[in-house]
Amino acid sequence: MSYIPQVNDYVQWTNGVEGWVYFEDDDYVTIEVATRSKECGGHPEHKKYHLLVLCYRNQWNELTYIRSRNSVYDF
């Protein structure tokens, strides 16, 4: 395996899924494929709903690295 996904990498999966790596672990990563703003109040740090897809380590060879960002605030 040559590519190891990192948080804030934009990746494309061979099954058509693409998005930002949101979380990484030794066994899997999550890929953020959509977000939606929360309409109710609450904690200011939790302003959005995130739709995440799991990609397990044995599938990382199916990911293609596109680009990176420094933080979630970069576009």
PDB file of N, CA and C in Angstrom:
ATOM      1  N   MET A   1       0.854  -1.171   0.000  1.00  0.00           N
ATOM      2  CA  MET A   1       0.000   0.000   0.000  1.00  0.00           C
ATOM      3  C   MET A   1       0.896   1.229   0.000  1.00  0.00           C
ATOM      4  N   SER A   2       0.695   2.114  -0.961  1.00  0.00           N
ATOM      5  CA  SER A   2       1.566   3.281  -1.046  1.00  0.00           C
ATOM      6  C   SER A   2       0.947   4.528  -0.416  1.00  0.00           C
ATOM      7  N   TYR A   3      -0.340   4.770  -0.620  1.00  0.00           N
ATOM      8  CA  TYR A   3      -0.976   5.978  -0.087  1.00  0.00           C
ATOM      9  C   TYR A   3      -1.661   5.669   1.239  1.00  0.00           C
ATOM     10  N   ILE A   4      -1.359   6.471   2.252  1.00  0.00           N
ATOM     11  CA  ILE A   4      -2.023   6.368   3.550  1.00  0.00           C
ATOM     12  C   ILE A   4      -2.823   7.651   3.755  1.00  0.00           C
ATOM     13  N   PRO A   5      -4.147   7.573   3.786  1.00  0.00           N
ATOM     14  CA  PRO A   5      -4.986   8.764   3.899  1.00  0.00           C
ATOM     15  C   PRO A   5      -4.732   9.526   5.198  1.00  0.00           C
ATOM     16  N   GLN A   6      -4.785  10.842   5.103  1.00  0.00           N
ATOM     17  CA  GLN A   6      -4.607  11.730   6.246  1.00  0.00           C
ATOM     18  C   GLN A   6      -5.809  12.681   6.327  1.00  0.00           C
ATOM     19  N   VAL A   7      -6.121  13.152   7.527  1.00  0.00           N
ATOM     20  CA  VAL A   7      -7.182  14.139   7.710  1.00  0.00           C
ATOM     21  C   VAL A   7      -6.870  15.354   6.844  1.00  0.00           C
ATOM     22  N   ASN A   8      -7.893  15.916   6.214  1.00  0.00           N
ATOM     23  CA  ASN A   8      -7.830  17.082   5.325  1.00  0.00           C
ATOM     24  C   ASN A   8      -7.271  16.763   3.939  1.00  0.00           C
ATOM     25  N   ASP A   9      -7.179  15.482   3.582  1.00  0.00           N
ATOM     26  CA  ASP A   9      -6.892  15.088   2.202  1.00  0.00           C
ATOM     27  C   ASP A   9      -8.220  14.960   1.468  1.00  0.00           C
ATOM     28  N   TYR A  10      -8.258  15.413   0.230  1.00  0.00           N
ATOM     29  CA  TYR A  10      -9.425  15.194  -0.625  1.00  0.00           C
ATOM     30  C   TYR A  10      -9.129  13.955  -1.453  1.00  0.00           C
ATOM     31  N   VAL A  11     -10.012  12.959  -1.384  1.00  0.00           N
ATOM     32  CA  VAL A  11      -9.766  11.683  -2.051  1.00  0.00           C
ATOM     33  C   VAL A  11     -10.946  11.296  -2.936  1.00  0.00           C
ATOM     34  N   GLN A  12     -10.649  10.439  -3.889  1.00  0.00           N
ATOM     35  CA  GLN A  12     -11.676   9.863  -4.747  1.00  0.00           C
ATOM     36  C   GLN A  12     -11.560   8.353  -4.634  1.00  0.00           C
ATOM     37  N   TRP A  13     -12.682   7.707  -4.404  1.00  0.00           N
ATOM     38  CA  TRP A  13     -12.735   6.266  -4.251  1.00  0.00           C
ATOM     39  C   TRP A  13     -13.213   5.665  -5.565  1.00  0.00           C
ATOM     40  N   THR A  14     -12.770   4.473  -5.892  1.00  0.00           N
ATOM     41  CA  THR A  14     -13.133   3.856  -7.169  1.00  0.00           C
ATOM     42  C   THR A  14     -14.632   3.579  -7.290  1.00  0.00           C
ATOM     43  N   ASN A  15     -15.361   3.555  -6.178  1.00  0.00           N
ATOM     44  CA  ASN A  15     -16.803   3.308  -6.223  1.00  0.00           C
ATOM     45  C   ASN A  15     -17.608   4.576  -6.479  1.00  0.00           C
ATOM     46  N   GLY A  16     -16.931   5.707  -6.761  1.00  0.00           N
ATOM     47  CA  GLY A  16     -17.619   6.948  -7.083  1.00  0.00           C
ATOM     48  C   GLY A  16     -17.717   7.934  -5.933  1.00  0.00           C
ATOM     49  N   VAL A  17     -17.387   7.515  -4.734  1.00  0.00           N
ATOM     50  CA  VAL A  17     -17.416   8.409  -3.566  1.00  0.00           C
ATOM     51  C   VAL A  17     -16.192   9.306  -3.605  1.00  0.00           C
ATOM     52  N   GLU A  18     -16.400  10.599  -3.319  1.00  0.00           N
ATOM     53  CA  GLU A  18     -15.258  11.487  -3.157  1.00  0.00           C
ATOM     54  C   GLU A  18     -15.574  12.522  -2.099  1.00  0.00           C
ATOM     55  N   GLY A  19     -14.530  12.972  -1.402  1.00  0.00           N
ATOM     56  CA  GLY A  19     -14.708  13.959  -0.359  1.00  0.00           C
ATOM     57  C   GLY A  19     -13.462  14.082   0.498  1.00  0.00           C
ATOM     58  N   TRP A  20     -13.606  14.816   1.591  1.00  0.00           N
ATOM     59  CA  TRP A  20     -12.496  15.089   2.507  1.00  0.00           C
ATOM     60  C   TRP A  20     -12.372  13.988   3.544  1.00  0.00           C
ATOM     61  N   VAL A  21     -11.151  13.570   3.833  1.00  0.00           N
ATOM     62  CA  VAL A  21     -10.921  12.633   4.927  1.00  0.00           C
ATOM     63  C   VAL A  21     -11.184  13.398   6.220  1.00  0.00           C
ATOM     64  N   TYR A  22     -12.158  12.920   6.985  1.00  0.00           N
ATOM     65  CA  TYR A  22     -12.630  13.625   8.173  1.00  0.00           C
ATOM     66  C   TYR A  22     -12.000  13.074   9.447  1.00  0.00           C
ATOM     67  N   PHE A  23     -11.729  11.756   9.453  1.00  0.00           N
ATOM     68  CA  PHE A  23     -11.160  11.092  10.624  1.00  0.00           C
ATOM     69  C   PHE A  23     -10.271   9.963  10.140  1.00  0.00           C
ATOM     70  N   GLU A  24      -9.160   9.745  10.834  1.00  0.00           N
ATOM     71  CA  GLU A  24      -8.272   8.632  10.488  1.00  0.00           C
ATOM     72  C   GLU A  24      -7.982   7.795  11.717  1.00  0.00           C
ATOM     73  N   ASP A  25      -7.820   6.517  11.490  1.00  0.00           N
ATOM     74  CA  ASP A  25      -7.501   5.554  12.530  1.00  0.00           C
ATOM     75  C   ASP A  25      -6.612   4.500  11.880  1.00  0.00           C
ATOM     76  N   ASP A  26      -6.074   3.587  12.661  1.00  0.00           N
ATOM     77  CA  ASP A  26      -5.250   2.519  12.095  1.00  0.00           C
ATOM     78  C   ASP A  26      -6.063   1.571  11.223  1.00  0.00           C
ATOM     79  N   ASP A  27      -7.354   1.441  11.512  1.00  0.00           N
ATOM     80  CA  ASP A  27      -8.193   0.460  10.827  1.00  0.00           C
ATOM     81  C   ASP A  27      -9.084   1.047   9.736  1.00  0.00           C
ATOM     82  N   TYR A  28      -9.430   2.327   9.828  1.00  0.00           N
ATOM     83  CA  TYR A  28     -10.342   2.926   8.855  1.00  0.00           C
ATOM     84  C   TYR A  28     -10.186   4.444   8.830  1.00  0.00           C
ATOM     85  N   VAL A  29     -10.749   5.044   7.790  1.00  0.00           N
ATOM     86  CA  VAL A  29     -10.902   6.500   7.718  1.00  0.00           C
ATOM     87  C   VAL A  29     -12.364   6.776   7.401  1.00  0.00           C
ATOM     88  N   THR A  30     -12.810   7.987   7.713  1.00  0.00           N
ATOM     89  CA  THR A  30     -14.131   8.410   7.267  1.00  0.00           C
ATOM     90  C   THR A  30     -13.943   9.491   6.226  1.00  0.00           C
ATOM     91  N   ILE A  31     -14.789   9.451   5.217  1.00  0.00           N
ATOM     92  CA  ILE A  31     -14.754  10.422   4.132  1.00  0.00           C
ATOM     93  C   ILE A  31     -16.039  11.240   4.207  1.00  0.00           C
ATOM     94  N   GLU A  32     -15.890  12.554   4.322  1.00  0.00           N
ATOM     95  CA  GLU A  32     -17.036  13.447   4.405  1.00  0.00           C
ATOM     96  C   GLU A  32     -17.541  13.711   2.992  1.00  0.00           C
ATOM     97  N   VAL A  33     -18.762  13.266   2.710  1.00  0.00           N
ATOM     98  CA  VAL A  33     -19.309  13.418   1.362  1.00  0.00           C
ATOM     99  C   VAL A  33     -20.358  14.520   1.268  1.00  0.00           C
ATOM    100  N   ALA A  34     -20.876  14.991   2.412  1.00  0.00           N
ATOM    101  CA  ALA A  34     -21.862  16.078   2.408  1.00  0.00           C
ATOM    102  C   ALA A  34     -21.948  16.691   3.795  1.00  0.00           C
ATOM    103  N   THR A  35     -22.364  17.961   3.833  1.00  0.00           N
ATOM    104  CA  THR A  35     -22.649  18.642   5.093  1.00  0.00           C
ATOM    105  C   THR A  35     -23.957  19.395   4.937  1.00  0.00           C
ATOM    106  N   ARG A  36     -24.602  19.640   6.062  1.00  0.00           N
ATOM    107  CA  ARG A  36     -25.835  20.416   6.075  1.00  0.00           C
ATOM    108  C   ARG A  36     -25.857  21.229   7.357  1.00  0.00           C
ATOM    109  N   SER A  37     -26.224  22.488   7.255  1.00  0.00           N
ATOM    110  CA  SER A  37     -26.266  23.358   8.429  1.00  0.00           C
ATOM    111  C   SER A  37     -27.383  22.943   9.369  1.00  0.00           C
ATOM    112  N   LYS A  38     -27.099  23.065  10.671  1.00  0.00           N
ATOM    113  CA  LYS A  38     -28.122  22.814  11.679  1.00  0.00           C
ATOM    114  C   LYS A  38     -28.957  24.072  11.821  1.00  0.00           C
ATOM    115  N   GLU A  39     -30.255  23.904  11.908  1.00  0.00           N
ATOM    116  CA  GLU A  39     -31.145  25.055  11.997  1.00  0.00           C
ATOM    117  C   GLU A  39     -31.437  25.465  13.429  1.00  0.00           C
ATOM    118  N   CYS A  40     -31.154  24.588  14.377  1.00  0.00           N
ATOM    119  CA  CYS A  40     -31.433  24.912  15.770  1.00  0.00           C
ATOM    120  C   CYS A  40     -30.168  25.430  16.448  1.00  0.00           C
ATOM    121  N   GLY A  41     -30.341  25.992  17.613  1.00  0.00           N
ATOM    122  CA  GLY A  41     -29.210  26.501  18.381  1.00  0.00           C
ATOM    123  C   GLY A  41     -28.331  25.375  18.871  1.00  0.00           C
ATOM    124  N   GLY A  42     -27.686  25.577  19.971  1.00  0.00           N
ATOM    125  CA  GLY A  42     -26.813  24.542  20.506  1.00  0.00           C
ATOM    126  C   GLY A  42     -25.398  25.053  20.600  1.00  0.00           C
ATOM    127  N   HIS A  43     -24.482  24.154  20.659  1.00  0.00           N
ATOM    128  CA  HIS A  43     -23.087  24.525  20.785  1.00  0.00           C
ATOM    129  C   HIS A  43     -22.576  25.112  19.474  1.00  0.00           C
ATOM    130  N   PRO A  44     -21.894  26.259  19.525  1.00  0.00           N
ATOM    131  CA  PRO A  44     -21.429  26.895  18.287  1.00  0.00           C
ATOM    132  C   PRO A  44     -20.412  26.070  17.513  1.00  0.00           C
ATOM    133  N   GLU A  45     -19.685  25.163  18.190  1.00  0.00           N
ATOM    134  CA  GLU A  45     -18.702  24.357  17.478  1.00  0.00           C
ATOM    135  C   GLU A  45     -19.358  23.206  16.707  1.00  0.00           C
ATOM    136  N   HIS A  46     -20.657  22.983  16.927  1.00  0.00           N
ATOM    137  CA  HIS A  46     -21.381  21.918  16.236  1.00  0.00           C
ATOM    138  C   HIS A  46     -22.446  22.548  15.345  1.00  0.00           C
ATOM    139  N   LYS A  47     -22.027  23.203  14.279  1.00  0.00           N
ATOM    140  CA  LYS A  47     -22.947  23.957  13.425  1.00  0.00           C
ATOM    141  C   LYS A  47     -23.484  23.159  12.250  1.00  0.00           C
ATOM    142  N   LYS A  48     -22.907  21.980  11.977  1.00  0.00           N
ATOM    143  CA  LYS A  48     -23.307  21.245  10.782  1.00  0.00           C
ATOM    144  C   LYS A  48     -23.493  19.760  11.066  1.00  0.00           C
ATOM    145  N   TYR A  49     -24.346  19.150  10.251  1.00  0.00           N
ATOM    146  CA  TYR A  49     -24.443  17.700  10.192  1.00  0.00           C
ATOM    147  C   TYR A  49     -23.447  17.244   9.126  1.00  0.00           C
ATOM    148  N   HIS A  50     -22.773  16.134   9.368  1.00  0.00           N
ATOM    149  CA  HIS A  50     -21.784  15.607   8.425  1.00  0.00           C
ATOM    150  C   HIS A  50     -22.212  14.207   7.997  1.00  0.00           C
ATOM    151  N   LEU A  51     -22.237  13.971   6.690  1.00  0.00           N
ATOM    152  CA  LEU A  51     -22.500  12.646   6.161  1.00  0.00           C
ATOM    153  C   LEU A  51     -21.152  12.018   5.834  1.00  0.00           C
ATOM    154  N   LEU A  52     -20.842  10.921   6.534  1.00  0.00           N
ATOM    155  CA  LEU A  52     -19.532  10.286   6.426  1.00  0.00           C
ATOM    156  C   LEU A  52     -19.666   8.857   5.908  1.00  0.00           C
ATOM    157  N   VAL A  53     -18.672   8.437   5.129  1.00  0.00           N
ATOM    158  CA  VAL A  53     -18.607   7.071   4.611  1.00  0.00           C
ATOM    159  C   VAL A  53     -17.346   6.426   5.163  1.00  0.00           C
ATOM    160  N   LEU A  54     -17.468   5.193   5.642  1.00  0.00           N
ATOM    161  CA  LEU A  54     -16.314   4.455   6.171  1.00  0.00           C
ATOM    162  C   LEU A  54     -15.524   3.802   5.040  1.00  0.00           C
ATOM    163  N   CYS A  55     -14.208   3.895   5.153  1.00  0.00           N
ATOM    164  CA  CYS A  55     -13.321   3.207   4.223  1.00  0.00           C
ATOM    165  C   CYS A  55     -12.284   2.466   5.065  1.00  0.00           C
ATOM    166  N   TYR A  56     -12.352   1.129   5.034  1.00  0.00           N
ATOM    167  CA  TYR A  56     -11.457   0.319   5.851  1.00  0.00           C
ATOM    168  C   TYR A  56     -10.078   0.180   5.216  1.00  0.00           C
ATOM    169  N   ARG A  57      -9.107  -0.139   6.032  1.00  0.00           N
ATOM    170  CA  ARG A  57      -7.701  -0.219   5.612  1.00  0.00           C
ATOM    171  C   ARG A  57      -7.511  -1.088   4.358  1.00  0.00           C
ATOM    172  N   ASN A  58      -8.209  -2.198   4.271  1.00  0.00           N
ATOM    173  CA  ASN A  58      -8.032  -3.075   3.113  1.00  0.00           C
ATOM    174  C   ASN A  58      -8.577  -2.457   1.817  1.00  0.00           C
ATOM    175  N   GLN A  59      -9.262  -1.303   1.922  1.00  0.00           N
ATOM    176  CA  GLN A  59      -9.797  -0.606   0.752  1.00  0.00           C
ATOM    177  C   GLN A  59      -8.994   0.648   0.399  1.00  0.00           C
ATOM    178  N   TRP A  60      -7.999   0.987   1.205  1.00  0.00           N
ATOM    179  CA  TRP A  60      -7.238   2.223   0.960  1.00  0.00           C
ATOM    180  C   TRP A  60      -6.541   2.210  -0.400  1.00  0.00           C
ATOM    181  N   ASN A  61      -6.237   1.030  -0.920  1.00  0.00           N
ATOM    182  CA  ASN A  61      -5.612   0.967  -2.248  1.00  0.00           C
ATOM    183  C   ASN A  61      -6.579   1.402  -3.349  1.00  0.00           C
ATOM    184  N   GLU A  62      -7.881   1.537  -3.029  1.00  0.00           N
ATOM    185  CA  GLU A  62      -8.886   2.004  -3.979  1.00  0.00           C
ATOM    186  C   GLU A  62      -9.049   3.520  -3.954  1.00  0.00           C
ATOM    187  N   LEU A  63      -8.333   4.202  -3.052  1.00  0.00           N
ATOM    188  CA  LEU A  63      -8.427   5.659  -2.936  1.00  0.00           C
ATOM    189  C   LEU A  63      -7.384   6.332  -3.803  1.00  0.00           C
ATOM    190  N   THR A  64      -7.783   7.447  -4.411  1.00  0.00           N
ATOM    191  CA  THR A  64      -6.859   8.274  -5.175  1.00  0.00           C
ATOM    192  C   THR A  64      -6.766   9.624  -4.483  1.00  0.00           C
ATOM    193  N   TYR A  65      -5.554  10.024  -4.153  1.00  0.00           N
ATOM    194  CA  TYR A  65      -5.313  11.323  -3.524  1.00  0.00           C
ATOM    195  C   TYR A  65      -5.497  12.415  -4.580  1.00  0.00           C
ATOM    196  N   ILE A  66      -6.264  13.471  -4.257  1.00  0.00           N
ATOM    197  CA  ILE A  66      -6.482  14.590  -5.169  1.00  0.00           C
ATOM    198  C   ILE A  66      -5.693  15.816  -4.710  1.00  0.00           C
ATOM    199  N   ARG A  67      -5.933  16.250  -3.478  1.00  0.00           N
ATOM    200  CA  ARG A  67      -5.231  17.422  -2.934  1.00  0.00           C
ATOM    201  C   ARG A  67      -5.413  17.450  -1.416  1.00  0.00           C
ATOM    202  N   SER A  68      -4.759  18.401  -0.762  1.00  0.00           N
ATOM    203  CA  SER A  68      -4.874  18.582   0.690  1.00  0.00           C
ATOM    204  C   SER A  68      -5.230  20.026   1.005  1.00  0.00           C
ATOM    205  N   ARG A  69      -5.688  20.234   2.225  1.00  0.00           N
ATOM    206  CA  ARG A  69      -5.896  21.578   2.753  1.00  0.00           C
ATOM    207  C   ARG A  69      -5.249  21.620   4.114  1.00  0.00           C
ATOM    208  N   ASN A  70      -4.886  22.816   4.569  1.00  0.00           N
ATOM    209  CA  ASN A  70      -4.224  22.953   5.865  1.00  0.00           C
ATOM    210  C   ASN A  70      -5.171  22.711   7.020  1.00  0.00           C
ATOM    211  N   SER A  71      -6.430  23.167   6.882  1.00  0.00           N
ATOM    212  CA  SER A  71      -7.414  22.974   7.941  1.00  0.00           C
ATOM    213  C   SER A  71      -8.803  22.933   7.320  1.00  0.00           C
ATOM    214  N   VAL A  72      -9.807  22.652   8.137  1.00  0.00           N
ATOM    215  CA  VAL A  72     -11.178  22.598   7.643  1.00  0.00           C
ATOM    216  C   VAL A  72     -11.676  23.972   7.215  1.00  0.00           C
ATOM    217  N   TYR A  73     -10.957  25.029   7.561  1.00  0.00           N
ATOM    218  CA  TYR A  73     -11.365  26.385   7.213  1.00  0.00           C
ATOM    219  C   TYR A  73     -10.806  26.837   5.867  1.00  0.00           C
ATOM    220  N   ASP A  74      -9.925  26.024   5.263  1.00  0.00           N
ATOM    221  CA  ASP A  74      -9.414  26.299   3.925  1.00  0.00           C
ATOM    222  C   ASP A  74     -10.393  25.727   2.908  1.00  0.00           C
ATOM    223  N   PHE A  75     -10.537  26.380   1.776  1.00  0.00           N
ATOM    224  CA  PHE A  75     -11.468  25.872   0.747  1.00  0.00           C
ATOM    225  C   PHE A  75     -10.755  25.642  -0.525  1.00  0.00           C
TER     226      PHE A  75
END
